[in-house]
Amino acid sequence: MAEHIAYVPYAELARIYREHGGWTCAACGGSVEFMAFGHEPQPRIPLFQCSACGRRSDGCQTFEGHHLLYGRCLWDENVSSRCGYWLGDWARPRGTCPICRSSSRKAQVATAN
C-alpha cells in the first residue's frame, strides 16, 4: 500500500487536534480522541479513536482530519471509506461536516446536477 500524500505532516495533525480538539467521527458523529502515535505495526502513524463507535484512523475518518490530510471533505467523494493504516469496517459519512457544512443532502444534489 502506498502512503497517502498529506497536506499536513502527522505531527502537525496531532498538534492541531490538541489545540482545538472536538473532532467528529464521520461514520457516526461521535467525539474522537487522539490516543497517541501508534505502536507496531504502525509506530509513526497517529491513532484517533471514536468514543462512540470505536472507529480508528490516522485522522482520515474524521471530518476535521480528512480536510487537513486531503484538502477536501469526505462528502466530496460520497463513498464508503476506511483508514488504510488502522483497518476497520467500511462506512459512508453521516451528518454534517463541521468544517464546510456539507451533508448527504448537498452531496445528493451535487451528484444529480
PDB file of N, CA and C in Angstrom:
ATOM      1  N   MET A   1       0.843  -1.175   0.000  1.00  0.00           N
ATOM      2  CA  MET A   1       0.000   0.000   0.000  1.00  0.00           C
ATOM      3  C   MET A   1       0.889   1.239   0.000  1.00  0.00           C
ATOM      4  N   ALA A   2       0.603   2.176  -0.866  1.00  0.00           N
ATOM      5  CA  ALA A   2       1.351   3.428  -0.933  1.00  0.00           C
ATOM      6  C   ALA A   2       0.850   4.389   0.140  1.00  0.00           C
ATOM      7  N   GLU A   3       1.770   5.101   0.747  1.00  0.00           N
ATOM      8  CA  GLU A   3       1.387   6.087   1.754  1.00  0.00           C
ATOM      9  C   GLU A   3       0.735   7.272   1.063  1.00  0.00           C
ATOM     10  N   HIS A   4      -0.354   7.759   1.641  1.00  0.00           N
ATOM     11  CA  HIS A   4      -1.013   8.914   1.034  1.00  0.00           C
ATOM     12  C   HIS A   4      -0.176  10.161   1.234  1.00  0.00           C
ATOM     13  N   ILE A   5      -0.385  11.117   0.383  1.00  0.00           N
ATOM     14  CA  ILE A   5       0.322  12.389   0.492  1.00  0.00           C
ATOM     15  C   ILE A   5      -0.575  13.347   1.262  1.00  0.00           C
ATOM     16  N   ALA A   6      -0.142  13.695   2.451  1.00  0.00           N
ATOM     17  CA  ALA A   6      -0.932  14.556   3.316  1.00  0.00           C
ATOM     18  C   ALA A   6      -0.576  16.025   3.101  1.00  0.00           C
ATOM     19  N   TYR A   7      -1.557  16.873   3.283  1.00  0.00           N
ATOM     20  CA  TYR A   7      -1.323  18.308   3.216  1.00  0.00           C
ATOM     21  C   TYR A   7      -0.615  18.810   4.461  1.00  0.00           C
ATOM     22  N   VAL A   8      -0.754  18.077   5.564  1.00  0.00           N
ATOM     23  CA  VAL A   8      -0.046  18.429   6.791  1.00  0.00           C
ATOM     24  C   VAL A   8       0.661  17.179   7.322  1.00  0.00           C
ATOM     25  N   PRO A   9       1.853  17.334   7.901  1.00  0.00           N
ATOM     26  CA  PRO A   9       2.532  16.175   8.499  1.00  0.00           C
ATOM     27  C   PRO A   9       1.733  15.661   9.704  1.00  0.00           C
ATOM     28  N   TYR A  10       1.915  14.398  10.013  1.00  0.00           N
ATOM     29  CA  TYR A  10       1.174  13.806  11.132  1.00  0.00           C
ATOM     30  C   TYR A  10       1.424  14.513  12.450  1.00  0.00           C
ATOM     31  N   ALA A  11       2.646  14.955  12.709  1.00  0.00           N
ATOM     32  CA  ALA A  11       2.927  15.657  13.963  1.00  0.00           C
ATOM     33  C   ALA A  11       2.109  16.946  14.043  1.00  0.00           C
ATOM     34  N   GLU A  12       1.962  17.607  12.913  1.00  0.00           N
ATOM     35  CA  GLU A  12       1.159  18.830  12.864  1.00  0.00           C
ATOM     36  C   GLU A  12      -0.322  18.514  13.075  1.00  0.00           C
ATOM     37  N   LEU A  13      -0.789  17.422  12.512  1.00  0.00           N
ATOM     38  CA  LEU A  13      -2.176  16.984  12.691  1.00  0.00           C
ATOM     39  C   LEU A  13      -2.471  16.760  14.175  1.00  0.00           C
ATOM     40  N   ALA A  14      -1.575  16.084  14.861  1.00  0.00           N
ATOM     41  CA  ALA A  14      -1.743  15.832  16.292  1.00  0.00           C
ATOM     42  C   ALA A  14      -1.723  17.144  17.074  1.00  0.00           C
ATOM     43  N   ARG A  15      -0.832  18.065  16.694  1.00  0.00           N
ATOM     44  CA  ARG A  15      -0.760  19.368  17.383  1.00  0.00           C
ATOM     45  C   ARG A  15      -2.062  20.142  17.214  1.00  0.00           C
ATOM     46  N   ILE A  16      -2.591  20.162  15.999  1.00  0.00           N
ATOM     47  CA  ILE A  16      -3.844  20.877  15.736  1.00  0.00           C
ATOM     48  C   ILE A  16      -4.979  20.271  16.554  1.00  0.00           C
ATOM     49  N   TYR A  17      -5.027  18.937  16.617  1.00  0.00           N
ATOM     50  CA  TYR A  17      -6.057  18.291  17.432  1.00  0.00           C
ATOM     51  C   TYR A  17      -5.929  18.717  18.898  1.00  0.00           C
ATOM     52  N   ARG A  18      -4.706  18.672  19.426  1.00  0.00           N
ATOM     53  CA  ARG A  18      -4.505  19.037  20.833  1.00  0.00           C
ATOM     54  C   ARG A  18      -4.926  20.475  21.112  1.00  0.00           C
ATOM     55  N   GLU A  19      -4.687  21.369  20.160  1.00  0.00           N
ATOM     56  CA  GLU A  19      -5.042  22.779  20.351  1.00  0.00           C
ATOM     57  C   GLU A  19      -6.540  23.026  20.241  1.00  0.00           C
ATOM     58  N   HIS A  20      -7.208  22.322  19.341  1.00  0.00           N
ATOM     59  CA  HIS A  20      -8.615  22.620  19.068  1.00  0.00           C
ATOM     60  C   HIS A  20      -9.574  21.524  19.516  1.00  0.00           C
ATOM     61  N   GLY A  21      -9.124  20.263  19.513  1.00  0.00           N
ATOM     62  CA  GLY A  21      -9.952  19.143  19.958  1.00  0.00           C
ATOM     63  C   GLY A  21     -11.316  19.108  19.302  1.00  0.00           C
ATOM     64  N   GLY A  22     -12.179  18.304  19.858  1.00  0.00           N
ATOM     65  CA  GLY A  22     -13.556  18.250  19.401  1.00  0.00           C
ATOM     66  C   GLY A  22     -13.759  17.710  17.996  1.00  0.00           C
ATOM     67  N   TRP A  23     -12.925  16.773  17.542  1.00  0.00           N
ATOM     68  CA  TRP A  23     -13.091  16.239  16.199  1.00  0.00           C
ATOM     69  C   TRP A  23     -14.253  15.263  16.146  1.00  0.00           C
ATOM     70  N   THR A  24     -14.803  15.098  14.949  1.00  0.00           N
ATOM     71  CA  THR A  24     -16.050  14.379  14.749  1.00  0.00           C
ATOM     72  C   THR A  24     -15.862  13.137  13.887  1.00  0.00           C
ATOM     73  N   CYS A  25     -16.326  12.000  14.368  1.00  0.00           N
ATOM     74  CA  CYS A  25     -16.287  10.762  13.596  1.00  0.00           C
ATOM     75  C   CYS A  25     -17.223  10.905  12.405  1.00  0.00           C
ATOM     76  N   ALA A  26     -16.708  10.664  11.219  1.00  0.00           N
ATOM     77  CA  ALA A  26     -17.531  10.795  10.011  1.00  0.00           C
ATOM     78  C   ALA A  26     -18.533   9.658   9.888  1.00  0.00           C
ATOM     79  N   ALA A  27     -18.281   8.525  10.552  1.00  0.00           N
ATOM     80  CA  ALA A  27     -19.173   7.372  10.430  1.00  0.00           C
ATOM     81  C   ALA A  27     -20.390   7.468  11.340  1.00  0.00           C
ATOM     82  N   CYS A  28     -20.221   8.055  12.536  1.00  0.00           N
ATOM     83  CA  CYS A  28     -21.357   8.075  13.472  1.00  0.00           C
ATOM     84  C   CYS A  28     -21.638   9.438  14.091  1.00  0.00           C
ATOM     85  N   GLY A  29     -20.723  10.392  13.914  1.00  0.00           N
ATOM     86  CA  GLY A  29     -20.915  11.717  14.507  1.00  0.00           C
ATOM     87  C   GLY A  29     -20.408  11.828  15.932  1.00  0.00           C
ATOM     88  N   GLY A  30     -19.816  10.749  16.449  1.00  0.00           N
ATOM     89  CA  GLY A  30     -19.303  10.749  17.814  1.00  0.00           C
ATOM     90  C   GLY A  30     -18.042  11.589  17.973  1.00  0.00           C
ATOM     91  N   SER A  31     -17.657  11.792  19.210  1.00  0.00           N
ATOM     92  CA  SER A  31     -16.454  12.549  19.546  1.00  0.00           C
ATOM     93  C   SER A  31     -15.224  11.655  19.377  1.00  0.00           C
ATOM     94  N   VAL A  32     -14.172  12.201  18.789  1.00  0.00           N
ATOM     95  CA  VAL A  32     -12.960  11.436  18.511  1.00  0.00           C
ATOM     96  C   VAL A  32     -11.832  11.908  19.416  1.00  0.00           C
ATOM     97  N   GLU A  33     -11.086  10.955  19.941  1.00  0.00           N
ATOM     98  CA  GLU A  33      -9.949  11.232  20.808  1.00  0.00           C
ATOM     99  C   GLU A  33      -8.647  10.885  20.091  1.00  0.00           C
ATOM    100  N   PHE A  34      -7.627  11.706  20.316  1.00  0.00           N
ATOM    101  CA  PHE A  34      -6.280  11.360  19.860  1.00  0.00           C
ATOM    102  C   PHE A  34      -5.690  10.476  20.935  1.00  0.00           C
ATOM    103  N   MET A  35      -5.378   9.226  20.583  1.00  0.00           N
ATOM    104  CA  MET A  35      -4.892   8.266  21.566  1.00  0.00           C
ATOM    105  C   MET A  35      -3.384   8.410  21.773  1.00  0.00           C
ATOM    106  N   ALA A  36      -2.632   8.433  20.683  1.00  0.00           N
ATOM    107  CA  ALA A  36      -1.166   8.517  20.736  1.00  0.00           C
ATOM    108  C   ALA A  36      -0.649   8.238  19.346  1.00  0.00           C
ATOM    109  N   PHE A  37       0.653   8.352  19.194  1.00  0.00           N
ATOM    110  CA  PHE A  37       1.236   7.833  17.972  1.00  0.00           C
ATOM    111  C   PHE A  37       1.251   6.328  18.136  1.00  0.00           C
ATOM    112  N   GLY A  38       1.060   5.636  17.036  1.00  0.00           N
ATOM    113  CA  GLY A  38       0.819   4.203  17.034  1.00  0.00           C
ATOM    114  C   GLY A  38       1.876   3.339  17.674  1.00  0.00           C
ATOM    115  N   HIS A  39       1.620   2.087  17.564  1.00  0.00           N
ATOM    116  CA  HIS A  39       2.521   1.048  18.031  1.00  0.00           C
ATOM    117  C   HIS A  39       2.677   0.073  16.874  1.00  0.00           C
ATOM    118  N   GLU A  40       3.379  -0.985  17.057  1.00  0.00           N
ATOM    119  CA  GLU A  40       3.554  -1.946  15.962  1.00  0.00           C
ATOM    120  C   GLU A  40       2.189  -2.380  15.447  1.00  0.00           C
ATOM    121  N   PRO A  41       1.928  -2.436  14.209  1.00  0.00           N
ATOM    122  CA  PRO A  41       2.875  -2.295  13.112  1.00  0.00           C
ATOM    123  C   PRO A  41       2.973  -0.867  12.562  1.00  0.00           C
ATOM    124  N   GLN A  42       2.385   0.123  13.219  1.00  0.00           N
ATOM    125  CA  GLN A  42       2.359   1.493  12.702  1.00  0.00           C
ATOM    126  C   GLN A  42       2.921   2.489  13.729  1.00  0.00           C
ATOM    127  N   PRO A  43       4.203   2.423  14.050  1.00  0.00           N
ATOM    128  CA  PRO A  43       4.729   3.259  15.133  1.00  0.00           C
ATOM    129  C   PRO A  43       4.736   4.755  14.854  1.00  0.00           C
ATOM    130  N   ARG A  44       4.715   5.173  13.594  1.00  0.00           N
ATOM    131  CA  ARG A  44       4.774   6.615  13.294  1.00  0.00           C
ATOM    132  C   ARG A  44       3.429   7.192  12.867  1.00  0.00           C
ATOM    133  N   ILE A  45       2.386   6.397  12.919  1.00  0.00           N
ATOM    134  CA  ILE A  45       1.065   6.826  12.455  1.00  0.00           C
ATOM    135  C   ILE A  45       0.208   7.177  13.671  1.00  0.00           C
ATOM    136  N   PRO A  46      -0.424   8.358  13.687  1.00  0.00           N
ATOM    137  CA  PRO A  46      -1.267   8.713  14.824  1.00  0.00           C
ATOM    138  C   PRO A  46      -2.509   7.819  14.872  1.00  0.00           C
ATOM    139  N   LEU A  47      -2.995   7.602  16.066  1.00  0.00           N
ATOM    140  CA  LEU A  47      -4.204   6.814  16.263  1.00  0.00           C
ATOM    141  C   LEU A  47      -5.277   7.695  16.889  1.00  0.00           C
ATOM    142  N   PHE A  48      -6.346   7.908  16.131  1.00  0.00           N
ATOM    143  CA  PHE A  48      -7.530   8.608  16.612  1.00  0.00           C
ATOM    144  C   PHE A  48      -8.623   7.559  16.755  1.00  0.00           C
ATOM    145  N   GLN A  49      -9.426   7.661  17.819  1.00  0.00           N
ATOM    146  CA  GLN A  49     -10.475   6.675  18.027  1.00  0.00           C
ATOM    147  C   GLN A  49     -11.755   7.352  18.468  1.00  0.00           C
ATOM    148  N   CYS A  50     -12.866   6.922  17.861  1.00  0.00           N
ATOM    149  CA  CYS A  50     -14.179   7.464  18.204  1.00  0.00           C
ATOM    150  C   CYS A  50     -14.628   6.882  19.538  1.00  0.00           C
ATOM    151  N   SER A  51     -15.063   7.749  20.448  1.00  0.00           N
ATOM    152  CA  SER A  51     -15.517   7.287  21.758  1.00  0.00           C
ATOM    153  C   SER A  51     -16.895   6.636  21.679  1.00  0.00           C
ATOM    154  N   ALA A  52     -17.628   6.862  20.589  1.00  0.00           N
ATOM    155  CA  ALA A  52     -18.972   6.276  20.459  1.00  0.00           C
ATOM    156  C   ALA A  52     -18.957   4.917  19.755  1.00  0.00           C
ATOM    157  N   CYS A  53     -18.328   4.838  18.589  1.00  0.00           N
ATOM    158  CA  CYS A  53     -18.387   3.594  17.805  1.00  0.00           C
ATOM    159  C   CYS A  53     -17.071   2.826  17.776  1.00  0.00           C
ATOM    160  N   GLY A  54     -15.990   3.424  18.286  1.00  0.00           N
ATOM    161  CA  GLY A  54     -14.700   2.745  18.333  1.00  0.00           C
ATOM    162  C   GLY A  54     -13.901   2.805  17.040  1.00  0.00           C
ATOM    163  N   ARG A  55     -14.407   3.513  16.028  1.00  0.00           N
ATOM    164  CA  ARG A  55     -13.711   3.607  14.740  1.00  0.00           C
ATOM    165  C   ARG A  55     -12.326   4.202  14.942  1.00  0.00           C
ATOM    166  N   ARG A  56     -11.318   3.581  14.326  1.00  0.00           N
ATOM    167  CA  ARG A  56      -9.927   4.016  14.476  1.00  0.00           C
ATOM    168  C   ARG A  56      -9.396   4.483  13.135  1.00  0.00           C
ATOM    169  N   SER A  57      -8.559   5.525  13.176  1.00  0.00           N
ATOM    170  CA  SER A  57      -7.956   6.027  11.936  1.00  0.00           C
ATOM    171  C   SER A  57      -6.752   6.896  12.255  1.00  0.00           C
ATOM    172  N   ASP A  58      -6.074   7.318  11.193  1.00  0.00           N
ATOM    173  CA  ASP A  58      -4.968   8.273  11.324  1.00  0.00           C
ATOM    174  C   ASP A  58      -5.483   9.700  11.324  1.00  0.00           C
ATOM    175  N   GLY A  59      -6.779   9.862  11.415  1.00  0.00           N
ATOM    176  CA  GLY A  59      -7.445  11.161  11.348  1.00  0.00           C
ATOM    177  C   GLY A  59      -8.299  11.279  10.107  1.00  0.00           C
ATOM    178  N   CYS A  60      -8.081  10.394   9.148  1.00  0.00           N
ATOM    179  CA  CYS A  60      -8.783  10.483   7.863  1.00  0.00           C
ATOM    180  C   CYS A  60     -10.263  10.159   7.967  1.00  0.00           C
ATOM    181  N   GLN A  61     -10.695   9.505   9.047  1.00  0.00           N
ATOM    182  CA  GLN A  61     -12.100   9.154   9.208  1.00  0.00           C
ATOM    183  C   GLN A  61     -12.833  10.150  10.100  1.00  0.00           C
ATOM    184  N   THR A  62     -12.198  11.295  10.318  1.00  0.00           N
ATOM    185  CA  THR A  62     -12.856  12.424  10.978  1.00  0.00           C
ATOM    186  C   THR A  62     -13.028  13.507   9.921  1.00  0.00           C
ATOM    187  N   PHE A  63     -14.079  14.286  10.056  1.00  0.00           N
ATOM    188  CA  PHE A  63     -14.274  15.375   9.091  1.00  0.00           C
ATOM    189  C   PHE A  63     -13.105  16.356   9.139  1.00  0.00           C
ATOM    190  N   GLU A  64     -12.688  16.707  10.361  1.00  0.00           N
ATOM    191  CA  GLU A  64     -11.627  17.700  10.528  1.00  0.00           C
ATOM    192  C   GLU A  64     -10.294  17.183  10.003  1.00  0.00           C
ATOM    193  N   GLY A  65      -9.946  15.953  10.369  1.00  0.00           N
ATOM    194  CA  GLY A  65      -8.689  15.370   9.923  1.00  0.00           C
ATOM    195  C   GLY A  65      -8.642  15.151   8.422  1.00  0.00           C
ATOM    196  N   HIS A  66      -9.754  14.734   7.834  1.00  0.00           N
ATOM    197  CA  HIS A  66      -9.792  14.498   6.388  1.00  0.00           C
ATOM    198  C   HIS A  66      -9.544  15.805   5.632  1.00  0.00           C
ATOM    199  N   HIS A  67     -10.144  16.886   6.095  1.00  0.00           N
ATOM    200  CA  HIS A  67      -9.894  18.197   5.471  1.00  0.00           C
ATOM    201  C   HIS A  67      -8.411  18.555   5.542  1.00  0.00           C
ATOM    202  N   LEU A  68      -7.781  18.324   6.684  1.00  0.00           N
ATOM    203  CA  LEU A  68      -6.366  18.651   6.835  1.00  0.00           C
ATOM    204  C   LEU A  68      -5.482  17.740   5.992  1.00  0.00           C
ATOM    205  N   LEU A  69      -5.785  16.446   5.976  1.00  0.00           N
ATOM    206  CA  LEU A  69      -4.950  15.486   5.242  1.00  0.00           C
ATOM    207  C   LEU A  69      -5.092  15.608   3.736  1.00  0.00           C
ATOM    208  N   TYR A  70      -6.316  15.807   3.265  1.00  0.00           N
ATOM    209  CA  TYR A  70      -6.568  15.740   1.822  1.00  0.00           C
ATOM    210  C   TYR A  70      -7.031  17.045   1.186  1.00  0.00           C
ATOM    211  N   GLY A  71      -7.318  18.048   1.999  1.00  0.00           N
ATOM    212  CA  GLY A  71      -7.753  19.329   1.450  1.00  0.00           C
ATOM    213  C   GLY A  71      -9.154  19.295   0.871  1.00  0.00           C
ATOM    214  N   ARG A  72      -9.949  18.310   1.284  1.00  0.00           N
ATOM    215  CA  ARG A  72     -11.334  18.212   0.816  1.00  0.00           C
ATOM    216  C   ARG A  72     -12.146  17.424   1.848  1.00  0.00           C
ATOM    217  N   CYS A  73     -13.452  17.431   1.652  1.00  0.00           N
ATOM    218  CA  CYS A  73     -14.370  16.792   2.587  1.00  0.00           C
ATOM    219  C   CYS A  73     -14.647  15.345   2.181  1.00  0.00           C
ATOM    220  N   LEU A  74     -14.940  14.507   3.170  1.00  0.00           N
ATOM    221  CA  LEU A  74     -15.377  13.143   2.877  1.00  0.00           C
ATOM    222  C   LEU A  74     -16.637  13.147   2.009  1.00  0.00           C
ATOM    223  N   TRP A  75     -17.472  14.152   2.157  1.00  0.00           N
ATOM    224  CA  TRP A  75     -18.684  14.248   1.338  1.00  0.00           C
ATOM    225  C   TRP A  75     -18.367  14.532  -0.123  1.00  0.00           C
ATOM    226  N   ASP A  76     -17.197  15.097  -0.420  1.00  0.00           N
ATOM    227  CA  ASP A  76     -16.832  15.352  -1.818  1.00  0.00           C
ATOM    228  C   ASP A  76     -16.765  14.052  -2.603  1.00  0.00           C
ATOM    229  N   GLU A  77     -16.293  12.983  -1.937  1.00  0.00           N
ATOM    230  CA  GLU A  77     -16.231  11.686  -2.600  1.00  0.00           C
ATOM    231  C   GLU A  77     -17.558  10.940  -2.473  1.00  0.00           C
ATOM    232  N   ASN A  78     -18.247  11.096  -1.331  1.00  0.00           N
ATOM    233  CA  ASN A  78     -19.538  10.480  -1.052  1.00  0.00           C
ATOM    234  C   ASN A  78     -19.510   8.971  -1.312  1.00  0.00           C
ATOM    235  N   VAL A  79     -18.468   8.315  -0.823  1.00  0.00           N
ATOM    236  CA  VAL A  79     -18.332   6.859  -0.957  1.00  0.00           C
ATOM    237  C   VAL A  79     -17.954   6.274   0.406  1.00  0.00           C
ATOM    238  N   SER A  80     -18.097   4.976   0.543  1.00  0.00           N
ATOM    239  CA  SER A  80     -17.637   4.301   1.750  1.00  0.00           C
ATOM    240  C   SER A  80     -16.113   4.374   1.800  1.00  0.00           C
ATOM    241  N   SER A  81     -15.580   4.520   3.006  1.00  0.00           N
ATOM    242  CA  SER A  81     -14.131   4.582   3.160  1.00  0.00           C
ATOM    243  C   SER A  81     -13.738   3.947   4.483  1.00  0.00           C
ATOM    244  N   ARG A  82     -12.448   3.706   4.605  1.00  0.00           N
ATOM    245  CA  ARG A  82     -11.864   3.261   5.864  1.00  0.00           C
ATOM    246  C   ARG A  82     -10.400   3.676   5.845  1.00  0.00           C
ATOM    247  N   CYS A  83      -9.786   3.686   6.999  1.00  0.00           N
ATOM    248  CA  CYS A  83      -8.382   4.063   7.097  1.00  0.00           C
ATOM    249  C   CYS A  83      -7.510   2.938   6.570  1.00  0.00           C
ATOM    250  N   GLY A  84      -6.508   3.301   5.790  1.00  0.00           N
ATOM    251  CA  GLY A  84      -5.588   2.316   5.263  1.00  0.00           C
ATOM    252  C   GLY A  84      -4.563   1.833   6.272  1.00  0.00           C
ATOM    253  N   TYR A  85      -4.433   2.525   7.384  1.00  0.00           N
ATOM    254  CA  TYR A  85      -3.463   2.146   8.412  1.00  0.00           C
ATOM    255  C   TYR A  85      -4.112   1.396   9.565  1.00  0.00           C
ATOM    256  N   TRP A  86      -5.203   1.935  10.083  1.00  0.00           N
ATOM    257  CA  TRP A  86      -5.898   1.328  11.212  1.00  0.00           C
ATOM    258  C   TRP A  86      -7.197   0.742  10.659  1.00  0.00           C
ATOM    259  N   LEU A  87      -7.097  -0.459  10.135  1.00  0.00           N
ATOM    260  CA  LEU A  87      -8.212  -1.051   9.391  1.00  0.00           C
ATOM    261  C   LEU A  87      -9.448  -1.264  10.260  1.00  0.00           C
ATOM    262  N   GLY A  88     -10.579  -1.055   9.639  1.00  0.00           N
ATOM    263  CA  GLY A  88     -11.873  -1.247  10.273  1.00  0.00           C
ATOM    264  C   GLY A  88     -12.906  -1.464   9.184  1.00  0.00           C
ATOM    265  N   ASP A  89     -14.152  -1.390   9.562  1.00  0.00           N
ATOM    266  CA  ASP A  89     -15.235  -1.566   8.600  1.00  0.00           C
ATOM    267  C   ASP A  89     -15.339  -0.371   7.663  1.00  0.00           C
ATOM    268  N   TRP A  90     -15.819  -0.640   6.461  1.00  0.00           N
ATOM    269  CA  TRP A  90     -16.106   0.426   5.508  1.00  0.00           C
ATOM    270  C   TRP A  90     -17.346   1.172   5.991  1.00  0.00           C
ATOM    271  N   ALA A  91     -17.367   2.481   5.828  1.00  0.00           N
ATOM    272  CA  ALA A  91     -18.528   3.278   6.234  1.00  0.00           C
ATOM    273  C   ALA A  91     -18.619   4.533   5.380  1.00  0.00           C
ATOM    274  N   ARG A  92     -19.846   4.949   5.126  1.00  0.00           N
ATOM    275  CA  ARG A  92     -20.092   6.214   4.437  1.00  0.00           C
ATOM    276  C   ARG A  92     -20.185   7.316   5.483  1.00  0.00           C
ATOM    277  N   PRO A  93     -19.860   8.540   5.093  1.00  0.00           N
ATOM    278  CA  PRO A  93     -20.019   9.642   6.054  1.00  0.00           C
ATOM    279  C   PRO A  93     -21.492   9.860   6.387  1.00  0.00           C
ATOM    280  N   ARG A  94     -21.723  10.370   7.575  1.00  0.00           N
ATOM    281  CA  ARG A  94     -23.085  10.692   8.040  1.00  0.00           C
ATOM    282  C   ARG A  94     -23.060  12.057   8.698  1.00  0.00           C
ATOM    283  N   GLY A  95     -24.183  12.711   8.657  1.00  0.00           N
ATOM    284  CA  GLY A  95     -24.295  14.002   9.328  1.00  0.00           C
ATOM    285  C   GLY A  95     -23.733  15.137   8.496  1.00  0.00           C
ATOM    286  N   THR A  96     -23.479  16.240   9.161  1.00  0.00           N
ATOM    287  CA  THR A  96     -22.980  17.450   8.520  1.00  0.00           C
ATOM    288  C   THR A  96     -21.531  17.682   8.909  1.00  0.00           C
ATOM    289  N   CYS A  97     -20.713  18.001   7.932  1.00  0.00           N
ATOM    290  CA  CYS A  97     -19.305  18.297   8.201  1.00  0.00           C
ATOM    291  C   CYS A  97     -19.206  19.623   8.950  1.00  0.00           C
ATOM    292  N   PRO A  98     -18.544  19.638  10.113  1.00  0.00           N
ATOM    293  CA  PRO A  98     -18.419  20.887  10.870  1.00  0.00           C
ATOM    294  C   PRO A  98     -17.462  21.900  10.236  1.00  0.00           C
ATOM    295  N   ILE A  99     -16.677  21.476   9.255  1.00  0.00           N
ATOM    296  CA  ILE A  99     -15.729  22.382   8.606  1.00  0.00           C
ATOM    297  C   ILE A  99     -16.382  23.138   7.451  1.00  0.00           C
ATOM    298  N   CYS A 100     -16.965  22.402   6.508  1.00  0.00           N
ATOM    299  CA  CYS A 100     -17.513  23.042   5.296  1.00  0.00           C
ATOM    300  C   CYS A 100     -19.036  22.991   5.222  1.00  0.00           C
ATOM    301  N   ARG A 101     -19.663  22.359   6.217  1.00  0.00           N
ATOM    302  CA  ARG A 101     -21.129  22.253   6.320  1.00  0.00           C
ATOM    303  C   ARG A 101     -21.740  21.360   5.244  1.00  0.00           C
ATOM    304  N   SER A 102     -20.951  20.537   4.551  1.00  0.00           N
ATOM    305  CA  SER A 102     -21.501  19.594   3.580  1.00  0.00           C
ATOM    306  C   SER A 102     -22.257  18.492   4.311  1.00  0.00           C
ATOM    307  N   SER A 103     -23.217  17.900   3.616  1.00  0.00           N
ATOM    308  CA  SER A 103     -24.019  16.828   4.192  1.00  0.00           C
ATOM    309  C   SER A 103     -24.488  15.904   3.083  1.00  0.00           C
ATOM    310  N   SER A 104     -25.178  14.839   3.456  1.00  0.00           N
ATOM    311  CA  SER A 104     -25.671  13.891   2.456  1.00  0.00           C
ATOM    312  C   SER A 104     -26.619  14.572   1.487  1.00  0.00           C
ATOM    313  N   ARG A 105     -27.422  15.467   1.968  1.00  0.00           N
ATOM    314  CA  ARG A 105     -28.380  16.175   1.107  1.00  0.00           C
ATOM    315  C   ARG A 105     -27.631  16.978   0.043  1.00  0.00           C
ATOM    316  N   LYS A 106     -26.611  17.731   0.451  1.00  0.00           N
ATOM    317  CA  LYS A 106     -25.838  18.533  -0.502  1.00  0.00           C
ATOM    318  C   LYS A 106     -25.093  17.634  -1.483  1.00  0.00           C
ATOM    319  N   ALA A 107     -24.579  16.486  -0.998  1.00  0.00           N
ATOM    320  CA  ALA A 107     -23.847  15.566  -1.886  1.00  0.00           C
ATOM    321  C   ALA A 107     -24.802  14.967  -2.923  1.00  0.00           C
ATOM    322  N   GLN A 108     -26.032  14.654  -2.523  1.00  0.00           N
ATOM    323  CA  GLN A 108     -27.005  14.098  -3.455  1.00  0.00           C
ATOM    324  C   GLN A 108     -27.369  15.117  -4.527  1.00  0.00           C
ATOM    325  N   VAL A 109     -27.539  16.369  -4.134  1.00  0.00           N
ATOM    326  CA  VAL A 109     -27.871  17.425  -5.095  1.00  0.00           C
ATOM    327  C   VAL A 109     -26.716  17.635  -6.068  1.00  0.00           C
ATOM    328  N   ALA A 110     -25.480  17.620  -5.555  1.00  0.00           N
ATOM    329  CA  ALA A 110     -24.302  17.847  -6.399  1.00  0.00           C
ATOM    330  C   ALA A 110     -24.132  16.732  -7.431  1.00  0.00           C
ATOM    331  N   THR A 111     -24.395  15.489  -7.054  1.00  0.00           N
ATOM    332  CA  THR A 111     -24.227  14.385  -7.996  1.00  0.00           C
ATOM    333  C   THR A 111     -25.372  14.306  -8.987  1.00  0.00           C
ATOM    334  N   ALA A 112     -26.510  14.884  -8.663  1.00  0.00           N
ATOM    335  CA  ALA A 112     -27.658  14.883  -9.567  1.00  0.00           C
ATOM    336  C   ALA A 112     -27.504  15.910 -10.683  1.00  0.00           C
ATOM    337  N   ASN A 113     -26.703  16.937 -10.443  1.00  0.00           N
ATOM    338  CA  ASN A 113     -26.535  18.006 -11.449  1.00  0.00           C
ATOM    339  C   ASN A 113     -25.543  17.666 -12.502  1.00  0.00           C
TER     340      ASN A 113
END
